[in-house]
Amino acid sequence: MRTSKSKQLAFILWVLLPSAVEANNFFSWLFTPNDEITSEIHIINKCQLDTKYFIVRDLKTGNYASFNSDVAKLKTKMNSPLQLQLSPAVKYIYFEGNAVAAKQSLTMIADCTERNIETIKR
C-alpha cells in the first residue's frame, strides 16, 4: 500500500510542479538546493514593444530587474520561478510569460506573435 501511495504522490508532483519550472529541468529543480545566486537573464524579444518595457520577476519574492542591453541581473535563489512581465510603469497592456526555474544564466523569450500591440491599444 505504501508503494502505491508513493507512486501516486510522485505522479502528482510530476504533473503539477512542472508548471513552475521548465519540464526538462523538473528533476534538477526538485533535488537542487536553493542557493542564492545572481541570475543573468538574456531576453529574445519577438514583440513590437521595446525591451526596456520588460522586467523579469521572481514570483516567490516579488523582486524584479529591468533589462539593459537585453540583459537583466536579478538576485534570487536557484530554481526560484522567474517570469517575464511588463514593467509596472506600463499601463493598459498586459503580458506575462511562462515561469522558468532560475539558474546562473538563462534566456527568456518575449513572444507577442499571437497579438498585435496595435490592436491591444484600441
C-alpha atoms as a PDB file:
ATOM      1  CA  MET A   1       0.000   0.000   0.000  1.00  0.00           C
ATOM      2  CA  ARG A   2       2.844   2.384   0.804  1.00  0.00           C
ATOM      3  CA  THR A   3       4.439   1.894  -2.595  1.00  0.00           C
ATOM      4  CA  SER A   4       1.166   2.717  -4.310  1.00  0.00           C
ATOM      5  CA  LYS A   5       0.791   5.970  -2.351  1.00  0.00           C
ATOM      6  CA  SER A   6       4.412   6.897  -3.071  1.00  0.00           C
ATOM      7  CA  LYS A   7       3.849   6.335  -6.769  1.00  0.00           C
ATOM      8  CA  GLN A   8       0.669   8.417  -6.643  1.00  0.00           C
ATOM      9  CA  LEU A   9       2.474  11.249  -4.867  1.00  0.00           C
ATOM     10  CA  ALA A  10       5.359  11.106  -7.354  1.00  0.00           C
ATOM     11  CA  PHE A  11       2.876  11.211 -10.230  1.00  0.00           C
ATOM     12  CA  ILE A  12       1.006  14.188  -8.764  1.00  0.00           C
ATOM     13  CA  LEU A  13       4.270  16.071  -8.249  1.00  0.00           C
ATOM     14  CA  TRP A  14       5.367  15.187 -11.769  1.00  0.00           C
ATOM     15  CA  VAL A  15       2.103  16.550 -13.206  1.00  0.00           C
ATOM     16  CA  LEU A  16       1.567  19.659 -11.071  1.00  0.00           C
ATOM     17  CA  LEU A  17       5.002  21.102 -10.349  1.00  0.00           C
ATOM     18  CA  PRO A  18       6.415  21.480 -13.873  1.00  0.00           C
ATOM     19  CA  SER A  19       4.143  24.479 -14.466  1.00  0.00           C
ATOM     20  CA  ALA A  20       6.516  26.407 -12.193  1.00  0.00           C
ATOM     21  CA  VAL A  21       9.638  25.193 -13.995  1.00  0.00           C
ATOM     22  CA  GLU A  22      10.735  24.011 -17.415  1.00  0.00           C
ATOM     23  CA  ALA A  23       9.675  20.401 -17.859  1.00  0.00           C
ATOM     24  CA  ASN A  24      13.162  19.278 -18.887  1.00  0.00           C
ATOM     25  CA  ASN A  25      14.573  20.742 -15.649  1.00  0.00           C
ATOM     26  CA  PHE A  26      11.956  19.193 -13.350  1.00  0.00           C
ATOM     27  CA  PHE A  27      14.178  16.712 -11.556  1.00  0.00           C
ATOM     28  CA  SER A  28      17.085  19.126 -11.159  1.00  0.00           C
ATOM     29  CA  TRP A  29      14.587  21.680  -9.790  1.00  0.00           C
ATOM     30  CA  LEU A  30      13.205  19.118  -7.369  1.00  0.00           C
ATOM     31  CA  PHE A  31      16.552  17.970  -5.978  1.00  0.00           C
ATOM     32  CA  THR A  32      18.795  21.058  -6.211  1.00  0.00           C
ATOM     33  CA  PRO A  33      19.275  23.200  -3.091  1.00  0.00           C
ATOM     34  CA  ASN A  34      18.016  26.788  -3.112  1.00  0.00           C
ATOM     35  CA  ASP A  35      21.388  28.556  -3.085  1.00  0.00           C
ATOM     36  CA  GLU A  36      21.382  32.337  -3.518  1.00  0.00           C
ATOM     37  CA  ILE A  37      22.580  33.437  -6.953  1.00  0.00           C
ATOM     38  CA  THR A  38      22.652  36.467  -9.188  1.00  0.00           C
ATOM     39  CA  SER A  39      20.900  35.241 -12.300  1.00  0.00           C
ATOM     40  CA  GLU A  40      21.871  36.799 -15.629  1.00  0.00           C
ATOM     41  CA  ILE A  41      18.784  36.731 -17.838  1.00  0.00           C
ATOM     42  CA  HIS A  42      19.002  37.383 -21.579  1.00  0.00           C
ATOM     43  CA  ILE A  43      15.853  38.304 -23.492  1.00  0.00           C
ATOM     44  CA  ILE A  44      14.872  37.442 -27.043  1.00  0.00           C
ATOM     45  CA  ASN A  45      12.201  40.000 -27.848  1.00  0.00           C
ATOM     46  CA  LYS A  46       9.693  38.960 -30.531  1.00  0.00           C
ATOM     47  CA  CYS A  47       7.290  41.753 -29.567  1.00  0.00           C
ATOM     48  CA  GLN A  48       6.645  45.146 -31.123  1.00  0.00           C
ATOM     49  CA  LEU A  49       7.287  46.646 -27.695  1.00  0.00           C
ATOM     50  CA  ASP A  50      10.802  47.825 -26.844  1.00  0.00           C
ATOM     51  CA  THR A  51      12.801  45.596 -24.471  1.00  0.00           C
ATOM     52  CA  LYS A  52      13.130  48.455 -21.977  1.00  0.00           C
ATOM     53  CA  TYR A  53       9.467  47.903 -21.050  1.00  0.00           C
ATOM     54  CA  PHE A  54      10.046  44.298 -19.894  1.00  0.00           C
ATOM     55  CA  ILE A  55      11.130  43.076 -16.490  1.00  0.00           C
ATOM     56  CA  VAL A  56      11.913  39.663 -15.070  1.00  0.00           C
ATOM     57  CA  ARG A  57      10.179  38.950 -11.742  1.00  0.00           C
ATOM     58  CA  ASP A  58      10.909  36.387  -9.045  1.00  0.00           C
ATOM     59  CA  LEU A  59       7.434  35.003  -8.356  1.00  0.00           C
ATOM     60  CA  LYS A  60       8.351  33.917  -4.805  1.00  0.00           C
ATOM     61  CA  THR A  61       9.701  37.259  -3.577  1.00  0.00           C
ATOM     62  CA  GLY A  62       8.128  39.743  -5.990  1.00  0.00           C
ATOM     63  CA  ASN A  63      11.564  41.269  -6.668  1.00  0.00           C
ATOM     64  CA  TYR A  64      12.290  42.214 -10.255  1.00  0.00           C
ATOM     65  CA  ALA A  65      15.007  43.537 -12.542  1.00  0.00           C
ATOM     66  CA  SER A  66      14.844  45.620 -15.713  1.00  0.00           C
ATOM     67  CA  PHE A  67      16.664  44.831 -18.936  1.00  0.00           C
ATOM     68  CA  ASN A  68      19.639  46.874 -20.070  1.00  0.00           C
ATOM     69  CA  SER A  69      21.065  45.937 -23.491  1.00  0.00           C
ATOM     70  CA  ASP A  70      18.873  42.802 -23.475  1.00  0.00           C
ATOM     71  CA  VAL A  71      20.306  41.577 -20.131  1.00  0.00           C
ATOM     72  CA  ALA A  72      18.841  41.709 -16.615  1.00  0.00           C
ATOM     73  CA  LYS A  73      20.570  40.694 -13.395  1.00  0.00           C
ATOM     74  CA  LEU A  74      18.397  39.527 -10.529  1.00  0.00           C
ATOM     75  CA  LYS A  75      19.400  38.344  -7.051  1.00  0.00           C
ATOM     76  CA  THR A  76      17.337  35.238  -6.407  1.00  0.00           C
ATOM     77  CA  LYS A  77      17.598  31.629  -5.311  1.00  0.00           C
ATOM     78  CA  MET A  78      18.490  28.713  -7.540  1.00  0.00           C
ATOM     79  CA  ASN A  79      15.321  27.271  -9.111  1.00  0.00           C
ATOM     80  CA  SER A  80      13.005  30.072  -7.949  1.00  0.00           C
ATOM     81  CA  PRO A  81      10.266  30.683 -10.533  1.00  0.00           C
ATOM     82  CA  LEU A  82      11.112  33.648 -12.779  1.00  0.00           C
ATOM     83  CA  GLN A  83       8.666  35.241 -15.202  1.00  0.00           C
ATOM     84  CA  LEU A  84       8.867  37.863 -17.941  1.00  0.00           C
ATOM     85  CA  GLN A  85       6.379  40.665 -17.336  1.00  0.00           C
ATOM     86  CA  LEU A  86       5.835  44.223 -18.431  1.00  0.00           C
ATOM     87  CA  SER A  87       7.199  46.955 -16.221  1.00  0.00           C
ATOM     88  CA  PRO A  88       4.760  48.287 -13.608  1.00  0.00           C
ATOM     89  CA  ALA A  89       5.052  51.642 -15.411  1.00  0.00           C
ATOM     90  CA  VAL A  90       3.319  50.198 -18.499  1.00  0.00           C
ATOM     91  CA  LYS A  91      -0.431  50.718 -18.363  1.00  0.00           C
ATOM     92  CA  TYR A  92      -3.284  49.179 -20.396  1.00  0.00           C
ATOM     93  CA  ILE A  93      -1.123  46.418 -21.907  1.00  0.00           C
ATOM     94  CA  TYR A  94      -0.817  43.008 -20.262  1.00  0.00           C
ATOM     95  CA  PHE A  95       1.931  40.430 -20.776  1.00  0.00           C
ATOM     96  CA  GLU A  96       3.087  37.517 -18.642  1.00  0.00           C
ATOM     97  CA  GLY A  97       5.479  34.900 -19.934  1.00  0.00           C
ATOM     98  CA  ASN A  98       5.872  31.326 -18.743  1.00  0.00           C
ATOM     99  CA  ALA A  99       7.620  30.791 -15.423  1.00  0.00           C
ATOM    100  CA  VAL A 100      11.042  29.143 -15.610  1.00  0.00           C
ATOM    101  CA  ALA A 101      13.457  27.940 -12.944  1.00  0.00           C
ATOM    102  CA  ALA A 102      16.196  30.414 -12.026  1.00  0.00           C
ATOM    103  CA  LYS A 103      19.766  29.463 -12.763  1.00  0.00           C
ATOM    104  CA  GLN A 104      23.066  31.299 -13.120  1.00  0.00           C
ATOM    105  CA  SER A 105      22.445  32.228 -16.768  1.00  0.00           C
ATOM    106  CA  LEU A 106      19.313  31.780 -18.863  1.00  0.00           C
ATOM    107  CA  THR A 107      17.492  33.106 -21.891  1.00  0.00           C
ATOM    108  CA  MET A 108      13.806  34.035 -21.868  1.00  0.00           C
ATOM    109  CA  ILE A 109      11.639  34.769 -24.912  1.00  0.00           C
ATOM    110  CA  ALA A 110       9.049  37.542 -25.069  1.00  0.00           C
ATOM    111  CA  ASP A 111       6.701  36.333 -27.783  1.00  0.00           C
ATOM    112  CA  CYS A 112       3.749  38.534 -28.713  1.00  0.00           C
ATOM    113  CA  THR A 113       3.061  36.887 -32.068  1.00  0.00           C
ATOM    114  CA  GLU A 114      -0.479  35.884 -31.070  1.00  0.00           C
ATOM    115  CA  ARG A 115      -1.478  39.516 -30.580  1.00  0.00           C
ATOM    116  CA  ASN A 116      -0.521  42.670 -32.352  1.00  0.00           C
ATOM    117  CA  ILE A 117       0.257  45.547 -29.968  1.00  0.00           C
ATOM    118  CA  GLU A 118      -1.660  47.923 -32.254  1.00  0.00           C
ATOM    119  CA  THR A 119      -4.920  46.007 -31.700  1.00  0.00           C
ATOM    120  CA  ILE A 120      -4.413  45.926 -27.909  1.00  0.00           C
ATOM    121  CA  LYS A 121      -4.151  49.738 -27.749  1.00  0.00           C
ATOM    122  CA  ARG A 122      -7.685  50.218 -29.078  1.00  0.00           C
END
